[in-house]
Amino acid sequence: RFCAQDAARLRADMMTVLARTGAAL
């Protein structure tokens, strides 16, 4: 689950998590 002050910060956090899953963006 993610919560951030703006979309850019949340998107960066989501990309970090996806990288940890081994997913290709």
PDB file of all heavy atoms in Angstrom:
ATOM      1  N   ARG A   1       0.855  -1.191   0.000  1.00  0.00           N
ATOM      2  CA  ARG A   1       0.000   0.000   0.000  1.00  0.00           C
ATOM      3  C   ARG A   1       0.891   1.241   0.000  1.00  0.00           C
ATOM      4  O   ARG A   1       1.908   1.285   0.700  1.00  0.00           O
ATOM      5  CB  ARG A   1      -0.879   0.031   1.248  1.00  0.00           C
ATOM      6  CG  ARG A   1      -1.753  -1.189   1.435  1.00  0.00           C
ATOM      7  CD  ARG A   1      -2.948  -1.160   0.522  1.00  0.00           C
ATOM      8  NE  ARG A   1      -3.989  -2.047   1.007  1.00  0.00           N
ATOM      9  CZ  ARG A   1      -5.145  -2.237   0.406  1.00  0.00           C
ATOM     10  NH1 ARG A   1      -5.422  -1.607  -0.719  1.00  0.00           N
ATOM     11  NH2 ARG A   1      -6.046  -3.065   0.904  1.00  0.00           N
ATOM     12  N   PHE A   2       0.488   2.245  -0.757  1.00  0.00           N
ATOM     13  CA  PHE A   2       1.271   3.458  -0.900  1.00  0.00           C
ATOM     14  C   PHE A   2       0.416   4.684  -0.589  1.00  0.00           C
ATOM     15  O   PHE A   2      -0.770   4.731  -0.912  1.00  0.00           O
ATOM     16  CB  PHE A   2       1.785   3.602  -2.337  1.00  0.00           C
ATOM     17  CG  PHE A   2       2.623   2.466  -2.828  1.00  0.00           C
ATOM     18  CD1 PHE A   2       2.017   1.286  -3.261  1.00  0.00           C
ATOM     19  CD2 PHE A   2       3.998   2.557  -2.869  1.00  0.00           C
ATOM     20  CE1 PHE A   2       2.775   0.229  -3.740  1.00  0.00           C
ATOM     21  CE2 PHE A   2       4.765   1.504  -3.332  1.00  0.00           C
ATOM     22  CZ  PHE A   2       4.160   0.347  -3.769  1.00  0.00           C
ATOM     23  N   CYS A   3       1.050   5.698  -0.006  1.00  0.00           N
ATOM     24  CA  CYS A   3       0.415   6.989   0.206  1.00  0.00           C
ATOM     25  C   CYS A   3       1.517   8.047   0.137  1.00  0.00           C
ATOM     26  O   CYS A   3       2.566   7.891   0.764  1.00  0.00           O
ATOM     27  CB  CYS A   3      -0.305   7.052   1.549  1.00  0.00           C
ATOM     28  SG  CYS A   3      -1.156   8.622   1.853  1.00  0.00           S
ATOM     29  N   ALA A   4       1.287   9.115  -0.638  1.00  0.00           N
ATOM     30  CA  ALA A   4       2.309  10.156  -0.791  1.00  0.00           C
ATOM     31  C   ALA A   4       1.636  11.501  -0.991  1.00  0.00           C
ATOM     32  O   ALA A   4       0.444  11.590  -1.304  1.00  0.00           O
ATOM     33  CB  ALA A   4       3.232   9.830  -1.958  1.00  0.00           C
ATOM     34  N   GLN A   5       2.427  12.555  -0.847  1.00  0.00           N
ATOM     35  CA  GLN A   5       1.910  13.910  -0.992  1.00  0.00           C
ATOM     36  C   GLN A   5       1.582  14.252  -2.442  1.00  0.00           C
ATOM     37  O   GLN A   5       0.755  15.128  -2.689  1.00  0.00           O
ATOM     38  CB  GLN A   5       2.926  14.917  -0.438  1.00  0.00           C
ATOM     39  CG  GLN A   5       3.136  14.806   1.058  1.00  0.00           C
ATOM     40  CD  GLN A   5       1.864  15.078   1.842  1.00  0.00           C
ATOM     41  OE1 GLN A   5       1.202  16.097   1.616  1.00  0.00           O
ATOM     42  NE2 GLN A   5       1.508  14.190   2.751  1.00  0.00           N
ATOM     43  N   ASP A   6       2.218  13.602  -3.383  1.00  0.00           N
ATOM     44  CA  ASP A   6       1.936  13.873  -4.789  1.00  0.00           C
ATOM     45  C   ASP A   6       2.221  12.627  -5.620  1.00  0.00           C
ATOM     46  O   ASP A   6       2.816  11.654  -5.141  1.00  0.00           O
ATOM     47  CB  ASP A   6       2.732  15.068  -5.307  1.00  0.00           C
ATOM     48  CG  ASP A   6       4.231  14.912  -5.105  1.00  0.00           C
ATOM     49  OD1 ASP A   6       4.786  13.902  -5.582  1.00  0.00           O
ATOM     50  OD2 ASP A   6       4.836  15.784  -4.452  1.00  0.00           O
ATOM     51  N   ALA A   7       1.807  12.678  -6.893  1.00  0.00           N
ATOM     52  CA  ALA A   7       1.907  11.516  -7.769  1.00  0.00           C
ATOM     53  C   ALA A   7       3.354  11.142  -8.070  1.00  0.00           C
ATOM     54  O   ALA A   7       3.690   9.960  -8.175  1.00  0.00           O
ATOM     55  CB  ALA A   7       1.163  11.791  -9.070  1.00  0.00           C
ATOM     56  N   ALA A   8       4.221  12.141  -8.211  1.00  0.00           N
ATOM     57  CA  ALA A   8       5.609  11.853  -8.573  1.00  0.00           C
ATOM     58  C   ALA A   8       6.298  11.026  -7.500  1.00  0.00           C
ATOM     59  O   ALA A   8       7.034  10.073  -7.802  1.00  0.00           O
ATOM     60  CB  ALA A   8       6.361  13.159  -8.813  1.00  0.00           C
ATOM     61  N   ARG A   9       6.077  11.378  -6.241  1.00  0.00           N
ATOM     62  CA  ARG A   9       6.707  10.624  -5.156  1.00  0.00           C
ATOM     63  C   ARG A   9       6.161   9.204  -5.091  1.00  0.00           C
ATOM     64  O   ARG A   9       6.914   8.247  -4.877  1.00  0.00           O
ATOM     65  CB  ARG A   9       6.484  11.347  -3.828  1.00  0.00           C
ATOM     66  CG  ARG A   9       7.149  12.709  -3.749  1.00  0.00           C
ATOM     67  CD  ARG A   9       6.892  13.357  -2.406  1.00  0.00           C
ATOM     68  NE  ARG A   9       7.343  14.741  -2.393  1.00  0.00           N
ATOM     69  CZ  ARG A   9       7.266  15.535  -1.332  1.00  0.00           C
ATOM     70  NH1 ARG A   9       6.767  15.077  -0.191  1.00  0.00           N
ATOM     71  NH2 ARG A   9       7.691  16.779  -1.409  1.00  0.00           N
ATOM     72  N   LEU A  10       4.851   9.078  -5.254  1.00  0.00           N
ATOM     73  CA  LEU A  10       4.271   7.736  -5.173  1.00  0.00           C
ATOM     74  C   LEU A  10       4.741   6.876  -6.349  1.00  0.00           C
ATOM     75  O   LEU A  10       5.048   5.694  -6.183  1.00  0.00           O
ATOM     76  CB  LEU A  10       2.745   7.822  -5.149  1.00  0.00           C
ATOM     77  CG  LEU A  10       2.055   6.519  -4.697  1.00  0.00           C
ATOM     78  CD1 LEU A  10       0.771   6.822  -3.954  1.00  0.00           C
ATOM     79  CD2 LEU A  10       1.765   5.596  -5.865  1.00  0.00           C
ATOM     80  N   ARG A  11       4.809   7.466  -7.519  1.00  0.00           N
ATOM     81  CA  ARG A  11       5.276   6.724  -8.694  1.00  0.00           C
ATOM     82  C   ARG A  11       6.705   6.211  -8.479  1.00  0.00           C
ATOM     83  O   ARG A  11       7.021   5.069  -8.824  1.00  0.00           O
ATOM     84  CB  ARG A  11       5.202   7.623  -9.930  1.00  0.00           C
ATOM     85  CG  ARG A  11       5.521   6.923 -11.253  1.00  0.00           C
ATOM     86  CD  ARG A  11       5.507   7.944 -12.366  1.00  0.00           C
ATOM     87  NE  ARG A  11       5.840   7.380 -13.650  1.00  0.00           N
ATOM     88  CZ  ARG A  11       4.975   7.093 -14.604  1.00  0.00           C
ATOM     89  NH1 ARG A  11       3.679   7.290 -14.402  1.00  0.00           N
ATOM     90  NH2 ARG A  11       5.370   6.616 -15.773  1.00  0.00           N
ATOM     91  N   ALA A  12       7.548   7.053  -7.898  1.00  0.00           N
ATOM     92  CA  ALA A  12       8.928   6.635  -7.620  1.00  0.00           C
ATOM     93  C   ALA A  12       8.953   5.478  -6.630  1.00  0.00           C
ATOM     94  O   ALA A  12       9.725   4.515  -6.799  1.00  0.00           O
ATOM     95  CB  ALA A  12       9.728   7.817  -7.091  1.00  0.00           C
ATOM     96  N   ASP A  13       8.122   5.546  -5.597  1.00  0.00           N
ATOM     97  CA  ASP A  13       8.055   4.456  -4.624  1.00  0.00           C
ATOM     98  C   ASP A  13       7.548   3.176  -5.273  1.00  0.00           C
ATOM     99  O   ASP A  13       8.054   2.077  -5.002  1.00  0.00           O
ATOM    100  CB  ASP A  13       7.151   4.843  -3.457  1.00  0.00           C
ATOM    101  CG  ASP A  13       7.764   5.905  -2.554  1.00  0.00           C
ATOM    102  OD1 ASP A  13       8.977   6.138  -2.664  1.00  0.00           O
ATOM    103  OD2 ASP A  13       7.018   6.490  -1.749  1.00  0.00           O
ATOM    104  N   MET A  14       6.529   3.315  -6.138  1.00  0.00           N
ATOM    105  CA  MET A  14       5.987   2.140  -6.823  1.00  0.00           C
ATOM    106  C   MET A  14       7.057   1.495  -7.700  1.00  0.00           C
ATOM    107  O   MET A  14       7.201   0.254  -7.728  1.00  0.00           O
ATOM    108  CB  MET A  14       4.775   2.530  -7.673  1.00  0.00           C
ATOM    109  CG  MET A  14       4.118   1.373  -8.415  1.00  0.00           C
ATOM    110  SD  MET A  14       3.177   0.250  -7.346  1.00  0.00           S
ATOM    111  CE  MET A  14       1.647   1.210  -7.144  1.00  0.00           C
ATOM    112  N   MET A  15       7.833   2.296  -8.399  1.00  0.00           N
ATOM    113  CA  MET A  15       8.889   1.753  -9.266  1.00  0.00           C
ATOM    114  C   MET A  15       9.951   1.023  -8.451  1.00  0.00           C
ATOM    115  O   MET A  15      10.485  -0.002  -8.886  1.00  0.00           O
ATOM    116  CB  MET A  15       9.500   2.878 -10.098  1.00  0.00           C
ATOM    117  CG  MET A  15       8.533   3.448 -11.134  1.00  0.00           C
ATOM    118  SD  MET A  15       9.170   4.897 -12.020  1.00  0.00           S
ATOM    119  CE  MET A  15      10.439   4.142 -13.033  1.00  0.00           C
ATOM    120  N   THR A  16      10.255   1.539  -7.258  1.00  0.00           N
ATOM    121  CA  THR A  16      11.215   0.865  -6.379  1.00  0.00           C
ATOM    122  C   THR A  16      10.697  -0.504  -5.964  1.00  0.00           C
ATOM    123  O   THR A  16      11.427  -1.502  -5.981  1.00  0.00           O
ATOM    124  CB  THR A  16      11.494   1.721  -5.134  1.00  0.00           C
ATOM    125  OG1 THR A  16      12.079   2.960  -5.539  1.00  0.00           O
ATOM    126  CG2 THR A  16      12.443   1.007  -4.186  1.00  0.00           C
ATOM    127  N   VAL A  17       9.428  -0.572  -5.593  1.00  0.00           N
ATOM    128  CA  VAL A  17       8.827  -1.843  -5.185  1.00  0.00           C
ATOM    129  C   VAL A  17       8.797  -2.821  -6.361  1.00  0.00           C
ATOM    130  O   VAL A  17       9.140  -4.007  -6.211  1.00  0.00           O
ATOM    131  CB  VAL A  17       7.411  -1.618  -4.620  1.00  0.00           C
ATOM    132  CG1 VAL A  17       6.671  -2.944  -4.466  1.00  0.00           C
ATOM    133  CG2 VAL A  17       7.483  -0.898  -3.286  1.00  0.00           C
ATOM    134  N   LEU A  18       8.406  -2.348  -7.525  1.00  0.00           N
ATOM    135  CA  LEU A  18       8.337  -3.234  -8.690  1.00  0.00           C
ATOM    136  C   LEU A  18       9.715  -3.783  -9.041  1.00  0.00           C
ATOM    137  O   LEU A  18       9.846  -4.944  -9.446  1.00  0.00           O
ATOM    138  CB  LEU A  18       7.740  -2.490  -9.877  1.00  0.00           C
ATOM    139  CG  LEU A  18       6.279  -2.050  -9.731  1.00  0.00           C
ATOM    140  CD1 LEU A  18       5.794  -1.396 -11.016  1.00  0.00           C
ATOM    141  CD2 LEU A  18       5.382  -3.222  -9.367  1.00  0.00           C
ATOM    142  N   ALA A  19      10.734  -2.959  -8.879  1.00  0.00           N
ATOM    143  CA  ALA A  19      12.098  -3.441  -9.147  1.00  0.00           C
ATOM    144  C   ALA A  19      12.458  -4.588  -8.210  1.00  0.00           C
ATOM    145  O   ALA A  19      13.152  -5.538  -8.603  1.00  0.00           O
ATOM    146  CB  ALA A  19      13.089  -2.290  -9.003  1.00  0.00           C
ATOM    147  N   ARG A  20      11.982  -4.515  -6.966  1.00  0.00           N
ATOM    148  CA  ARG A  20      12.276  -5.574  -5.994  1.00  0.00           C
ATOM    149  C   ARG A  20      11.549  -6.874  -6.338  1.00  0.00           C
ATOM    150  O   ARG A  20      11.957  -7.949  -5.888  1.00  0.00           O
ATOM    151  CB  ARG A  20      11.863  -5.106  -4.597  1.00  0.00           C
ATOM    152  CG  ARG A  20      12.739  -3.982  -4.055  1.00  0.00           C
ATOM    153  CD  ARG A  20      14.008  -4.538  -3.457  1.00  0.00           C
ATOM    154  NE  ARG A  20      15.032  -3.529  -3.215  1.00  0.00           N
ATOM    155  CZ  ARG A  20      16.042  -3.689  -2.383  1.00  0.00           C
ATOM    156  NH1 ARG A  20      16.170  -4.817  -1.703  1.00  0.00           N
ATOM    157  NH2 ARG A  20      16.948  -2.749  -2.240  1.00  0.00           N
ATOM    158  N   THR A  21      10.461  -6.790  -7.085  1.00  0.00           N
ATOM    159  CA  THR A  21       9.752  -7.998  -7.500  1.00  0.00           C
ATOM    160  C   THR A  21      10.382  -8.625  -8.739  1.00  0.00           C
ATOM    161  O   THR A  21      10.008  -9.738  -9.125  1.00  0.00           O
ATOM    162  CB  THR A  21       8.276  -7.702  -7.805  1.00  0.00           C
ATOM    163  OG1 THR A  21       8.177  -6.931  -9.018  1.00  0.00           O
ATOM    164  CG2 THR A  21       7.614  -6.951  -6.662  1.00  0.00           C
ATOM    165  N   GLY A  22      11.314  -7.899  -9.376  1.00  0.00           N
ATOM    166  CA  GLY A  22      11.919  -8.391 -10.605  1.00  0.00           C
ATOM    167  C   GLY A  22      11.119  -8.070 -11.844  1.00  0.00           C
ATOM    168  O   GLY A  22      11.430  -8.551 -12.940  1.00  0.00           O
ATOM    169  N   ALA A  23      10.083  -7.228 -11.713  1.00  0.00           N
ATOM    170  CA  ALA A  23       9.225  -6.901 -12.849  1.00  0.00           C
ATOM    171  C   ALA A  23       9.934  -5.944 -13.805  1.00  0.00           C
ATOM    172  O   ALA A  23      10.678  -5.059 -13.387  1.00  0.00           O
ATOM    173  CB  ALA A  23       7.933  -6.257 -12.356  1.00  0.00           C
ATOM    174  N   ALA A  24       9.676  -6.117 -15.088  1.00  0.00           N
ATOM    175  CA  ALA A  24      10.175  -5.194 -16.111  1.00  0.00           C
ATOM    176  C   ALA A  24       9.100  -4.150 -16.361  1.00  0.00           C
ATOM    177  O   ALA A  24       7.960  -4.478 -16.697  1.00  0.00           O
ATOM    178  CB  ALA A  24      10.492  -5.949 -17.392  1.00  0.00           C
ATOM    179  N   LEU A  25       9.449  -2.882 -16.192  1.00  0.00           N
ATOM    180  CA  LEU A  25       8.480  -1.812 -16.365  1.00  0.00           C
ATOM    181  C   LEU A  25       8.196  -1.567 -17.848  1.00  0.00           C
ATOM    182  O   LEU A  25       9.107  -1.658 -18.684  1.00  0.00           O
ATOM    183  CB  LEU A  25       8.998  -0.517 -15.745  1.00  0.00           C
ATOM    184  CG  LEU A  25       9.040  -0.488 -14.219  1.00  0.00           C
ATOM    185  CD1 LEU A  25       9.777   0.760 -13.727  1.00  0.00           C
ATOM    186  CD2 LEU A  25       7.635  -0.514 -13.631  1.00  0.00           C
TER     187      LEU A  25
END
